[in-house]
PDB file of N, CA and C in Angstrom:
ATOM      1  N   MET A   1       0.843  -1.072   0.012  1.00  0.00           N
ATOM      2  CA  MET A   1       0.027   0.152   0.050  1.00  0.00           C
ATOM      3  C   MET A   1       0.912   1.263  -0.091  1.00  0.00           C
ATOM      4  N   THR A   2       0.685   2.091  -0.704  1.00  0.00           N
ATOM      5  CA  THR A   2       1.084   3.355  -0.893  1.00  0.00           C
ATOM      6  C   THR A   2       1.127   4.206   0.402  1.00  0.00           C
ATOM      7  N   ASP A   3       2.364   5.004   0.309  1.00  0.00           N
ATOM      8  CA  ASP A   3       2.096   5.930   1.607  1.00  0.00           C
ATOM      9  C   ASP A   3       0.920   6.970   1.577  1.00  0.00           C
ATOM     10  N   ARG A   4       0.913   7.084   0.429  1.00  0.00           N
ATOM     11  CA  ARG A   4      -0.301   8.552   0.425  1.00  0.00           C
ATOM     12  C   ARG A   4      -1.815   7.832   0.191  1.00  0.00           C
ATOM     13  N   LYS A   5      -1.820   6.315  -0.089  1.00  0.00           N
ATOM     14  CA  LYS A   5      -3.221   5.703   0.347  1.00  0.00           C
ATOM     15  C   LYS A   5      -3.543   5.778   1.781  1.00  0.00           C
ATOM     16  N   GLN A   6      -1.989   5.417   2.743  1.00  0.00           N
ATOM     17  CA  GLN A   6      -2.319   5.011   3.858  1.00  0.00           C
ATOM     18  C   GLN A   6      -2.753   6.232   4.629  1.00  0.00           C
ATOM     19  N   GLN A   7      -1.896   7.392   3.864  1.00  0.00           N
ATOM     20  CA  GLN A   7      -2.269   8.694   4.754  1.00  0.00           C
ATOM     21  C   GLN A   7      -3.585   9.098   4.269  1.00  0.00           C
ATOM     22  N   LEU A   8      -4.159   8.940   3.337  1.00  0.00           N
ATOM     23  CA  LEU A   8      -5.803   9.250   3.213  1.00  0.00           C
ATOM     24  C   LEU A   8      -6.321   8.327   3.839  1.00  0.00           C
ATOM     25  N   GLU A   9      -6.470   7.023   4.107  1.00  0.00           N
ATOM     26  CA  GLU A   9      -7.300   6.220   4.995  1.00  0.00           C
ATOM     27  C   GLU A   9      -7.159   6.773   6.423  1.00  0.00           C
ATOM     28  N   MET A  10      -6.053   7.166   6.706  1.00  0.00           N
ATOM     29  CA  MET A  10      -5.982   7.519   8.093  1.00  0.00           C
ATOM     30  C   MET A  10      -7.062   9.267   8.170  1.00  0.00           C
ATOM     31  N   LEU A  11      -6.604  10.328   7.245  1.00  0.00           N
ATOM     32  CA  LEU A  11      -7.529  11.216   7.429  1.00  0.00           C
ATOM     33  C   LEU A  11      -8.578  10.678   7.025  1.00  0.00           C
ATOM     34  N   ARG A  12      -9.472   9.453   6.192  1.00  0.00           N
ATOM     35  CA  ARG A  12     -10.452   9.276   6.155  1.00  0.00           C
ATOM     36  C   ARG A  12     -11.220   9.087   7.390  1.00  0.00           C
ATOM     37  N   ASP A  13     -10.589   8.024   8.194  1.00  0.00           N
ATOM     38  CA  ASP A  13     -11.072   7.980   9.418  1.00  0.00           C
ATOM     39  C   ASP A  13     -10.944   8.953  10.541  1.00  0.00           C
ATOM     40  N   GLU A  14     -10.150   9.785  10.675  1.00  0.00           N
ATOM     41  CA  GLU A  14     -10.349  10.949  11.458  1.00  0.00           C
ATOM     42  C   GLU A  14     -11.548  12.184  10.865  1.00  0.00           C
ATOM     43  N   LEU A  15     -11.770  11.955   9.598  1.00  0.00           N
ATOM     44  CA  LEU A  15     -12.882  12.969   9.238  1.00  0.00           C
ATOM     45  C   LEU A  15     -14.089  12.428   9.828  1.00  0.00           C
ATOM     46  N   ILE A  16     -14.158  10.908   9.493  1.00  0.00           N
ATOM     47  CA  ILE A  16     -15.751   9.922   9.666  1.00  0.00           C
ATOM     48  C   ILE A  16     -15.648  10.328  11.166  1.00  0.00           C
ATOM     49  N   ASP A  17     -14.670  10.638  12.553  1.00  0.00           N
ATOM     50  CA  ASP A  17     -14.692  10.354  13.397  1.00  0.00           C
ATOM     51  C   ASP A  17     -15.177  11.766  13.924  1.00  0.00           C
ATOM     52  N   ARG A  18     -14.855  13.028  13.378  1.00  0.00           N
ATOM     53  CA  ARG A  18     -14.652  14.415  13.578  1.00  0.00           C
ATOM     54  C   ARG A  18     -16.223  14.471  13.154  1.00  0.00           C
ATOM     55  N   PHE A  19     -16.582  13.841  11.984  1.00  0.00           N
ATOM     56  CA  PHE A  19     -18.116  14.248  11.418  1.00  0.00           C
ATOM     57  C   PHE A  19     -19.259  13.857  12.808  1.00  0.00           C
ATOM     58  N   ASN A  20     -18.893  12.430  13.031  1.00  0.00           N
ATOM     59  CA  ASN A  20     -19.800  12.052  14.409  1.00  0.00           C
ATOM     60  C   ASN A  20     -19.348  12.520  15.575  1.00  0.00           C
ATOM     61  N   ARG A  21     -18.452  13.055  15.775  1.00  0.00           N
ATOM     62  CA  ARG A  21     -18.636  14.513  16.838  1.00  0.00           C
ATOM     63  C   ARG A  21     -19.250  15.351  16.851  1.00  0.00           C
ATOM     64  N   TYR A  22     -19.261  15.817  15.721  1.00  0.00           N
ATOM     65  CA  TYR A  22     -19.897  17.147  15.597  1.00  0.00           C
ATOM     66  C   TYR A  22     -21.941  16.820  15.604  1.00  0.00           C
ATOM     67  N   LYS A  23     -21.992  15.288  14.618  1.00  0.00           N
ATOM     68  CA  LYS A  23     -23.424  15.069  14.888  1.00  0.00           C
ATOM     69  C   LYS A  23     -23.766  14.656  16.080  1.00  0.00           C
ATOM     70  N   ALA A  24     -23.004  13.799  16.892  1.00  0.00           N
ATOM     71  CA  ALA A  24     -23.304  13.722  18.547  1.00  0.00           C
ATOM     72  C   ALA A  24     -23.551  14.909  19.302  1.00  0.00           C
ATOM     73  N   HIS A  25     -22.690  16.021  18.985  1.00  0.00           N
ATOM     74  CA  HIS A  25     -22.862  17.512  19.983  1.00  0.00           C
ATOM     75  C   HIS A  25     -24.121  17.947  19.442  1.00  0.00           C
ATOM     76  N   LYS A  26     -24.701  18.110  17.679  1.00  0.00           N
ATOM     77  CA  LYS A  26     -26.024  18.613  17.647  1.00  0.00           C
ATOM     78  C   LYS A  26     -27.158  17.967  18.048  1.00  0.00           C
ATOM     79  N   GLU A  27     -27.077  16.440  18.192  1.00  0.00           N
ATOM     80  CA  GLU A  27     -28.178  15.676  18.577  1.00  0.00           C
ATOM     81  C   GLU A  27     -28.326  15.892  20.284  1.00  0.00           C
ATOM     82  N   GLN A  28     -27.089  15.934  20.950  1.00  0.00           N
ATOM     83  CA  GLN A  28     -26.946  16.161  22.337  1.00  0.00           C
ATOM     84  C   GLN A  28     -27.855  17.607  22.789  1.00  0.00           C
ATOM     85  N   ARG A  29     -27.463  18.681  22.081  1.00  0.00           N
ATOM     86  CA  ARG A  29     -27.581  19.890  21.909  1.00  0.00           C
ATOM     87  C   ARG A  29     -29.198  19.887  21.671  1.00  0.00           C
ATOM     88  N   GLY A  30     -29.912  19.122  21.173  1.00  0.00           N
ATOM     89  CA  GLY A  30     -31.334  19.551  20.668  1.00  0.00           C
ATOM     90  C   GLY A  30     -32.174  19.639  21.229  1.00  0.00           C
ATOM     91  N   GLY A  31     -32.188  20.294  22.631  1.00  0.00           N
ATOM     92  CA  GLY A  31     -33.163  20.395  23.634  1.00  0.00           C
ATOM     93  C   GLY A  31     -33.710  22.230  23.352  1.00  0.00           C
ATOM     94  N   PRO A  32     -34.657  22.560  24.095  1.00  0.00           N
ATOM     95  CA  PRO A  32     -34.759  23.877  23.756  1.00  0.00           C
ATOM     96  C   PRO A  32     -33.765  25.052  24.465  1.00  0.00           C
ATOM     97  N   LEU A  33     -34.053  26.197  23.624  1.00  0.00           N
ATOM     98  CA  LEU A  33     -32.874  27.050  24.100  1.00  0.00           C
ATOM     99  C   LEU A  33     -33.164  27.594  25.570  1.00  0.00           C
ATOM    100  N   ASP A  34     -32.196  28.285  25.599  1.00  0.00           N
ATOM    101  CA  ASP A  34     -32.073  29.083  27.266  1.00  0.00           C
ATOM    102  C   ASP A  34     -33.202  30.132  27.316  1.00  0.00           C
ATOM    103  N   LYS A  35     -33.838  30.297  28.143  1.00  0.00           N
ATOM    104  CA  LYS A  35     -34.769  31.412  28.397  1.00  0.00           C
ATOM    105  C   LYS A  35     -33.919  32.980  28.301  1.00  0.00           C
ATOM    106  N   ASP A  36     -32.695  33.192  28.693  1.00  0.00           N
ATOM    107  CA  ASP A  36     -32.078  34.194  28.115  1.00  0.00           C
ATOM    108  C   ASP A  36     -31.765  34.579  26.920  1.00  0.00           C
ATOM    109  N   MET A  37     -32.174  35.569  26.657  1.00  0.00           N
ATOM    110  CA  MET A  37     -31.865  36.131  24.892  1.00  0.00           C
ATOM    111  C   MET A  37     -30.672  35.981  24.783  1.00  0.00           C
ATOM    112  N   GLU A  38     -29.712  36.423  25.324  1.00  0.00           N
ATOM    113  CA  GLU A  38     -28.313  36.572  25.026  1.00  0.00           C
ATOM    114  C   GLU A  38     -27.575  35.011  25.150  1.00  0.00           C
ATOM    115  N   GLU A  39     -28.025  34.133  26.338  1.00  0.00           N
ATOM    116  CA  GLU A  39     -27.675  32.980  26.053  1.00  0.00           C
ATOM    117  C   GLU A  39     -28.478  32.194  24.814  1.00  0.00           C
ATOM    118  N   GLN A  40     -29.589  32.317  24.410  1.00  0.00           N
ATOM    119  CA  GLN A  40     -29.890  31.774  23.313  1.00  0.00           C
ATOM    120  C   GLN A  40     -29.163  32.089  21.904  1.00  0.00           C
ATOM    121  N   SER A  41     -28.669  33.575  21.861  1.00  0.00           N
ATOM    122  CA  SER A  41     -27.842  34.081  21.085  1.00  0.00           C
ATOM    123  C   SER A  41     -26.426  33.187  20.603  1.00  0.00           C
ATOM    124  N   ILE A  42     -25.981  33.085  21.750  1.00  0.00           N
ATOM    125  CA  ILE A  42     -24.596  32.248  22.124  1.00  0.00           C
ATOM    126  C   ILE A  42     -24.771  30.883  21.606  1.00  0.00           C
ATOM    127  N   GLU A  43     -26.024  30.354  21.799  1.00  0.00           N
ATOM    128  CA  GLU A  43     -26.467  28.600  21.783  1.00  0.00           C
ATOM    129  C   GLU A  43     -26.225  28.413  20.236  1.00  0.00           C
ATOM    130  N   LEU A  44     -27.454  29.937  19.514  1.00  0.00           N
ATOM    131  CA  LEU A  44     -27.534  29.542  17.884  1.00  0.00           C
ATOM    132  C   LEU A  44     -26.427  29.701  17.288  1.00  0.00           C
ATOM    133  N   GLN A  45     -25.731  30.435  17.729  1.00  0.00           N
ATOM    134  CA  GLN A  45     -24.212  31.167  17.072  1.00  0.00           C
ATOM    135  C   GLN A  45     -23.460  29.634  17.018  1.00  0.00           C
ATOM    136  N   ASN A  46     -23.407  29.130  18.607  1.00  0.00           N
ATOM    137  CA  ASN A  46     -22.461  27.696  18.470  1.00  0.00           C
ATOM    138  C   ASN A  46     -23.138  26.652  17.438  1.00  0.00           C
ATOM    139  N   ASP A  47     -24.481  26.557  17.501  1.00  0.00           N
ATOM    140  CA  ASP A  47     -24.833  25.699  16.876  1.00  0.00           C
ATOM    141  C   ASP A  47     -24.658  26.076  15.327  1.00  0.00           C
ATOM    142  N   ASN A  48     -24.505  27.257  14.477  1.00  0.00           N
ATOM    143  CA  ASN A  48     -24.157  27.589  13.383  1.00  0.00           C
ATOM    144  C   ASN A  48     -22.706  27.074  13.306  1.00  0.00           C
ATOM    145  N   VAL A  49     -21.961  27.128  14.117  1.00  0.00           N
ATOM    146  CA  VAL A  49     -20.202  27.426  13.719  1.00  0.00           C
ATOM    147  C   VAL A  49     -20.218  25.462  14.015  1.00  0.00           C
ATOM    148  N   ILE A  50     -20.829  24.742  14.413  1.00  0.00           N
ATOM    149  CA  ILE A  50     -20.979  22.997  14.534  1.00  0.00           C
ATOM    150  C   ILE A  50     -21.545  23.015  13.450  1.00  0.00           C
ATOM    151  N   GLU A  51     -22.561  23.291  12.729  1.00  0.00           N
ATOM    152  CA  GLU A  51     -23.065  23.157  11.651  1.00  0.00           C
ATOM    153  C   GLU A  51     -22.098  23.415  10.433  1.00  0.00           C
ATOM    154  N   ALA A  52     -21.340  24.367  10.169  1.00  0.00           N
ATOM    155  CA  ALA A  52     -20.578  24.390   9.182  1.00  0.00           C
ATOM    156  C   ALA A  52     -18.972  23.779   9.507  1.00  0.00           C
ATOM    157  N   LEU A  53     -18.477  23.532  10.512  1.00  0.00           N
ATOM    158  CA  LEU A  53     -17.808  22.420  10.840  1.00  0.00           C
ATOM    159  C   LEU A  53     -17.701  20.945  10.681  1.00  0.00           C
ATOM    160  N   GLN A  54     -19.219  20.484  10.702  1.00  0.00           N
ATOM    161  CA  GLN A  54     -19.851  19.664  10.174  1.00  0.00           C
ATOM    162  C   GLN A  54     -19.507  19.139   8.604  1.00  0.00           C
ATOM    163  N   GLN A  55     -20.158  20.345   8.010  1.00  0.00           N
ATOM    164  CA  GLN A  55     -20.126  20.629   6.750  1.00  0.00           C
ATOM    165  C   GLN A  55     -18.684  20.079   5.984  1.00  0.00           C
ATOM    166  N   GLU A  56     -17.869  21.312   6.447  1.00  0.00           N
ATOM    167  CA  GLU A  56     -16.413  20.825   6.192  1.00  0.00           C
ATOM    168  C   GLU A  56     -16.055  19.752   6.192  1.00  0.00           C
ATOM    169  N   ALA A  57     -16.240  19.118   7.167  1.00  0.00           N
ATOM    170  CA  ALA A  57     -15.514  17.362   7.537  1.00  0.00           C
ATOM    171  C   ALA A  57     -16.024  16.613   6.119  1.00  0.00           C
ATOM    172  N   GLU A  58     -17.495  17.188   6.314  1.00  0.00           N
ATOM    173  CA  GLU A  58     -18.066  16.073   5.067  1.00  0.00           C
ATOM    174  C   GLU A  58     -17.843  16.482   3.868  1.00  0.00           C
ATOM    175  N   ASP A  59     -17.521  17.526   3.484  1.00  0.00           N
ATOM    176  CA  ASP A  59     -17.104  17.996   1.861  1.00  0.00           C
ATOM    177  C   ASP A  59     -15.749  17.261   1.909  1.00  0.00           C
ATOM    178  N   GLU A  60     -14.771  17.370   2.986  1.00  0.00           N
ATOM    179  CA  GLU A  60     -13.367  16.957   2.809  1.00  0.00           C
ATOM    180  C   GLU A  60     -13.438  15.366   2.852  1.00  0.00           C
ATOM    181  N   LEU A  61     -14.212  14.609   3.529  1.00  0.00           N
ATOM    182  CA  LEU A  61     -14.266  13.576   3.547  1.00  0.00           C
ATOM    183  C   LEU A  61     -14.888  12.817   2.044  1.00  0.00           C
ATOM    184  N   ARG A  62     -15.938  13.822   1.448  1.00  0.00           N
ATOM    185  CA  ARG A  62     -15.833  13.365  -0.030  1.00  0.00           C
ATOM    186  C   ARG A  62     -14.890  13.424  -0.715  1.00  0.00           C
ATOM    187  N   GLN A  63     -14.103  14.262  -0.670  1.00  0.00           N
ATOM    188  CA  GLN A  63     -12.948  14.401  -1.698  1.00  0.00           C
ATOM    189  C   GLN A  63     -11.749  13.355  -1.341  1.00  0.00           C
ATOM    190  N   VAL A  64     -11.634  12.873  -0.117  1.00  0.00           N
ATOM    191  CA  VAL A  64     -10.661  12.136   0.316  1.00  0.00           C
ATOM    192  C   VAL A  64     -11.146  10.676  -0.062  1.00  0.00           C
ATOM    193  N   VAL A  65     -12.686  10.175   0.025  1.00  0.00           N
ATOM    194  CA  VAL A  65     -13.025   9.192  -0.363  1.00  0.00           C
ATOM    195  C   VAL A  65     -12.717   8.863  -2.456  1.00  0.00           C
ATOM    196  N   HIS A  66     -12.978  10.125  -2.748  1.00  0.00           N
ATOM    197  CA  HIS A  66     -12.708  10.096  -4.140  1.00  0.00           C
ATOM    198  C   HIS A  66     -11.577   9.906  -4.674  1.00  0.00           C
ATOM    199  N   ALA A  67     -10.266  10.696  -3.855  1.00  0.00           N
ATOM    200  CA  ALA A  67      -8.919  10.313  -4.112  1.00  0.00           C
ATOM    201  C   ALA A  67      -8.559   8.994  -4.046  1.00  0.00           C
ATOM    202  N   LEU A  68      -9.492   8.373  -2.598  1.00  0.00           N
ATOM    203  CA  LEU A  68      -8.816   6.900  -2.708  1.00  0.00           C
ATOM    204  C   LEU A  68      -9.311   6.159  -3.910  1.00  0.00           C
ATOM    205  N   GLU A  69     -10.685   6.232  -4.469  1.00  0.00           N
ATOM    206  CA  GLU A  69     -11.159   5.855  -5.418  1.00  0.00           C
ATOM    207  C   GLU A  69     -10.204   5.724  -6.434  1.00  0.00           C
ATOM    208  N   ARG A  70      -9.716   6.736  -6.917  1.00  0.00           N
ATOM    209  CA  ARG A  70      -8.813   6.912  -8.205  1.00  0.00           C
ATOM    210  C   ARG A  70      -7.653   6.339  -7.717  1.00  0.00           C
ATOM    211  N   ILE A  71      -7.199   6.204  -6.719  1.00  0.00           N
ATOM    212  CA  ILE A  71      -5.980   5.495  -6.430  1.00  0.00           C
ATOM    213  C   ILE A  71      -6.244   3.822  -6.667  1.00  0.00           C
ATOM    214  N   ASP A  72      -7.424   3.616  -6.445  1.00  0.00           N
ATOM    215  CA  ASP A  72      -7.562   2.227  -6.489  1.00  0.00           C
ATOM    216  C   ASP A  72      -8.031   1.953  -7.687  1.00  0.00           C
ATOM    217  N   ASP A  73      -8.375   2.823  -8.725  1.00  0.00           N
ATOM    218  CA  ASP A  73      -8.641   2.601 -10.053  1.00  0.00           C
ATOM    219  C   ASP A  73      -7.008   2.817 -11.220  1.00  0.00           C
ATOM    220  N   GLY A  74      -5.865   3.086 -10.448  1.00  0.00           N
ATOM    221  CA  GLY A  74      -4.914   3.214 -10.658  1.00  0.00           C
ATOM    222  C   GLY A  74      -4.743   4.831 -11.706  1.00  0.00           C
ATOM    223  N   GLU A  75      -5.381   5.352 -11.073  1.00  0.00           N
ATOM    224  CA  GLU A  75      -5.539   6.948 -11.741  1.00  0.00           C
ATOM    225  C   GLU A  75      -4.845   8.183 -10.616  1.00  0.00           C
ATOM    226  N   GLY A  76      -4.577   7.903  -9.402  1.00  0.00           N
ATOM    227  CA  GLY A  76      -4.551   8.529  -8.170  1.00  0.00           C
ATOM    228  C   GLY A  76      -3.448   9.677  -8.439  1.00  0.00           C
ATOM    229  N   ASP A  77      -2.531   9.586  -9.462  1.00  0.00           N
ATOM    230  CA  ASP A  77      -1.593  10.308  -9.541  1.00  0.00           C
ATOM    231  C   ASP A  77      -1.447  11.158 -10.453  1.00  0.00           C
ATOM    232  N   CYS A  78      -2.577  10.989 -11.385  1.00  0.00           N
ATOM    233  CA  CYS A  78      -2.732  11.787 -12.520  1.00  0.00           C
ATOM    234  C   CYS A  78      -4.019  12.910 -12.586  1.00  0.00           C
ATOM    235  N   CYS A  79      -3.987  13.936 -13.112  1.00  0.00           N
ATOM    236  CA  CYS A  79      -4.558  14.974 -12.955  1.00  0.00           C
ATOM    237  C   CYS A  79      -6.129  14.925 -13.619  1.00  0.00           C
ATOM    238  N   GLU A  80      -7.034  14.711 -12.792  1.00  0.00           N
ATOM    239  CA  GLU A  80      -8.695  14.044 -13.333  1.00  0.00           C
ATOM    240  C   GLU A  80      -9.026  15.086 -14.877  1.00  0.00           C
ATOM    241  N   GLN A  81      -8.453  16.453 -14.767  1.00  0.00           N
ATOM    242  CA  GLN A  81      -8.885  17.307 -16.031  1.00  0.00           C
ATOM    243  C   GLN A  81      -7.925  16.837 -17.080  1.00  0.00           C
ATOM    244  N   CYS A  82      -6.701  17.212 -16.927  1.00  0.00           N
ATOM    245  CA  CYS A  82      -5.903  17.343 -18.200  1.00  0.00           C
ATOM    246  C   CYS A  82      -4.775  15.934 -17.890  1.00  0.00           C
ATOM    247  N   GLY A  83      -5.000  15.232 -17.221  1.00  0.00           N
ATOM    248  CA  GLY A  83      -4.858  13.808 -17.443  1.00  0.00           C
ATOM    249  C   GLY A  83      -3.031  13.913 -17.275  1.00  0.00           C
ATOM    250  N   GLU A  84      -2.521  15.204 -17.010  1.00  0.00           N
ATOM    251  CA  GLU A  84      -0.961  15.355 -16.578  1.00  0.00           C
ATOM    252  C   GLU A  84      -0.677  14.450 -15.342  1.00  0.00           C
ATOM    253  N   VAL A  85       0.464  14.021 -14.654  1.00  0.00           N
ATOM    254  CA  VAL A  85       0.787  13.786 -13.883  1.00  0.00           C
ATOM    255  C   VAL A  85       0.745  14.783 -12.852  1.00  0.00           C
ATOM    256  N   ILE A  86       0.437  14.642 -11.699  1.00  0.00           N
ATOM    257  CA  ILE A  86       0.414  15.594 -10.647  1.00  0.00           C
ATOM    258  C   ILE A  86       1.749  15.954  -9.928  1.00  0.00           C
ATOM    259  N   ASP A  87       2.180  16.657  -9.675  1.00  0.00           N
ATOM    260  CA  ASP A  87       3.793  16.853  -8.543  1.00  0.00           C
ATOM    261  C   ASP A  87       3.484  15.966  -7.604  1.00  0.00           C
ATOM    262  N   ALA A  88       4.388  15.159  -7.366  1.00  0.00           N
ATOM    263  CA  ALA A  88       4.636  14.784  -6.080  1.00  0.00           C
ATOM    264  C   ALA A  88       4.601  15.575  -4.952  1.00  0.00           C
ATOM    265  N   ARG A  89       5.215  16.724  -4.944  1.00  0.00           N
ATOM    266  CA  ARG A  89       5.177  17.670  -3.803  1.00  0.00           C
ATOM    267  C   ARG A  89       3.693  18.160  -3.537  1.00  0.00           C
ATOM    268  N   ARG A  90       2.851  18.045  -4.477  1.00  0.00           N
ATOM    269  CA  ARG A  90       1.789  18.896  -4.549  1.00  0.00           C
ATOM    270  C   ARG A  90       0.626  17.549  -3.796  1.00  0.00           C
ATOM    271  N   LEU A  91       1.049  16.361  -4.147  1.00  0.00           N
ATOM    272  CA  LEU A  91       0.296  15.106  -3.474  1.00  0.00           C
ATOM    273  C   LEU A  91       0.574  15.244  -2.229  1.00  0.00           C
ATOM    274  N   ALA A  92       2.399  15.323  -1.930  1.00  0.00           N
ATOM    275  CA  ALA A  92       2.417  15.419  -0.646  1.00  0.00           C
ATOM    276  C   ALA A  92       1.803  16.221   0.702  1.00  0.00           C
ATOM    277  N   ALA A  93       1.375  17.805  -0.293  1.00  0.00           N
ATOM    278  CA  ALA A  93       0.963  18.768   0.656  1.00  0.00           C
ATOM    279  C   ALA A  93      -0.190  18.593   0.767  1.00  0.00           C
ATOM    280  N   LEU A  94      -1.266  17.693  -0.429  1.00  0.00           N
ATOM    281  CA  LEU A  94      -2.396  18.007  -0.652  1.00  0.00           C
ATOM    282  C   LEU A  94      -3.032  16.124  -0.801  1.00  0.00           C
ATOM    283  N   PRO A  95      -2.877  15.197   0.070  1.00  0.00           N
ATOM    284  CA  PRO A  95      -3.079  13.897  -0.724  1.00  0.00           C
ATOM    285  C   PRO A  95      -4.317  13.837  -1.241  1.00  0.00           C
ATOM    286  N   GLN A  96      -5.315  14.792  -0.764  1.00  0.00           N
ATOM    287  CA  GLN A  96      -6.777  14.524  -1.435  1.00  0.00           C
ATOM    288  C   GLN A  96      -6.749  15.058  -2.955  1.00  0.00           C
ATOM    289  N   THR A  97      -6.127  15.793  -3.178  1.00  0.00           N
ATOM    290  CA  THR A  97      -6.179  16.585  -4.786  1.00  0.00           C
ATOM    291  C   THR A  97      -6.313  15.540  -5.791  1.00  0.00           C
ATOM    292  N   THR A  98      -6.928  15.957  -6.642  1.00  0.00           N
ATOM    293  CA  THR A  98      -7.198  15.401  -7.974  1.00  0.00           C
ATOM    294  C   THR A  98      -6.917  16.065  -8.974  1.00  0.00           C
ATOM    295  N   LEU A  99      -6.292  17.183  -8.678  1.00  0.00           N
ATOM    296  CA  LEU A  99      -5.943  18.196 -10.129  1.00  0.00           C
ATOM    297  C   LEU A  99      -4.671  18.642  -9.734  1.00  0.00           C
ATOM    298  N   CYS A 100      -3.997  18.988 -10.862  1.00  0.00           N
ATOM    299  CA  CYS A 100      -2.686  19.200 -10.860  1.00  0.00           C
ATOM    300  C   CYS A 100      -2.802  21.095 -10.377  1.00  0.00           C
ATOM    301  N   ARG A 101      -1.701  21.626 -10.188  1.00  0.00           N
ATOM    302  CA  ARG A 101      -1.948  22.951  -9.590  1.00  0.00           C
ATOM    303  C   ARG A 101      -2.172  23.984 -10.815  1.00  0.00           C
ATOM    304  N   ASP A 102      -1.934  23.629 -11.887  1.00  0.00           N
ATOM    305  CA  ASP A 102      -2.731  24.164 -13.175  1.00  0.00           C
ATOM    306  C   ASP A 102      -4.089  24.280 -13.530  1.00  0.00           C
ATOM    307  N   CYS A 103      -4.599  23.252 -13.137  1.00  0.00           N
ATOM    308  CA  CYS A 103      -6.283  22.902 -13.169  1.00  0.00           C
ATOM    309  C   CYS A 103      -6.777  23.825 -12.193  1.00  0.00           C
ATOM    310  N   ALA A 104      -6.070  23.335 -10.971  1.00  0.00           N
ATOM    311  CA  ALA A 104      -6.772  23.681  -9.541  1.00  0.00           C
ATOM    312  C   ALA A 104      -6.903  25.618  -9.873  1.00  0.00           C
ATOM    313  N   GLU A 105      -6.010  26.034 -10.264  1.00  0.00           N
ATOM    314  CA  GLU A 105      -5.903  27.014 -10.196  1.00  0.00           C
ATOM    315  C   GLU A 105      -6.857  28.161 -11.498  1.00  0.00           C
ATOM    316  N   ARG A 106      -7.116  27.075 -12.512  1.00  0.00           N
ATOM    317  CA  ARG A 106      -8.049  27.500 -13.369  1.00  0.00           C
ATOM    318  C   ARG A 106      -9.588  27.480 -12.739  1.00  0.00           C
ATOM    319  N   THR A 107      -9.566  26.401 -11.816  1.00  0.00           N
ATOM    320  CA  THR A 107     -11.276  26.333 -11.397  1.00  0.00           C
ATOM    321  C   THR A 107     -11.637  26.936 -10.489  1.00  0.00           C
ATOM    322  N   HIS A 108     -10.444  28.095  -9.694  1.00  0.00           N
ATOM    323  CA  HIS A 108     -10.830  28.787  -8.993  1.00  0.00           C
ATOM    324  C   HIS A 108     -10.326  29.982  -9.371  1.00  0.00           C
TER     325      HIS A 108
END
């Protein structure tokens, strides 16, 4: 198994754990809001932050799973848009990337 694949699998497991922690926090917090308006504001703000963090973890998890699928298909080192080999330094820094630097810059 390649180092990159191992790194991605570890990242996948970490993201699943993080996602589940955020989900559990939301379920645990599911009761009524505090009667104090200031406390309600803080609770709602915290809920929004947790929701954003959970969405971020879910989005990153999708990228990691996609990168793992490409590795399993033998396409993990090639850019998904142009087909060129992705620089090893880019893959080391962003193991979940599926785009070379040039294509990534064009899409942003």
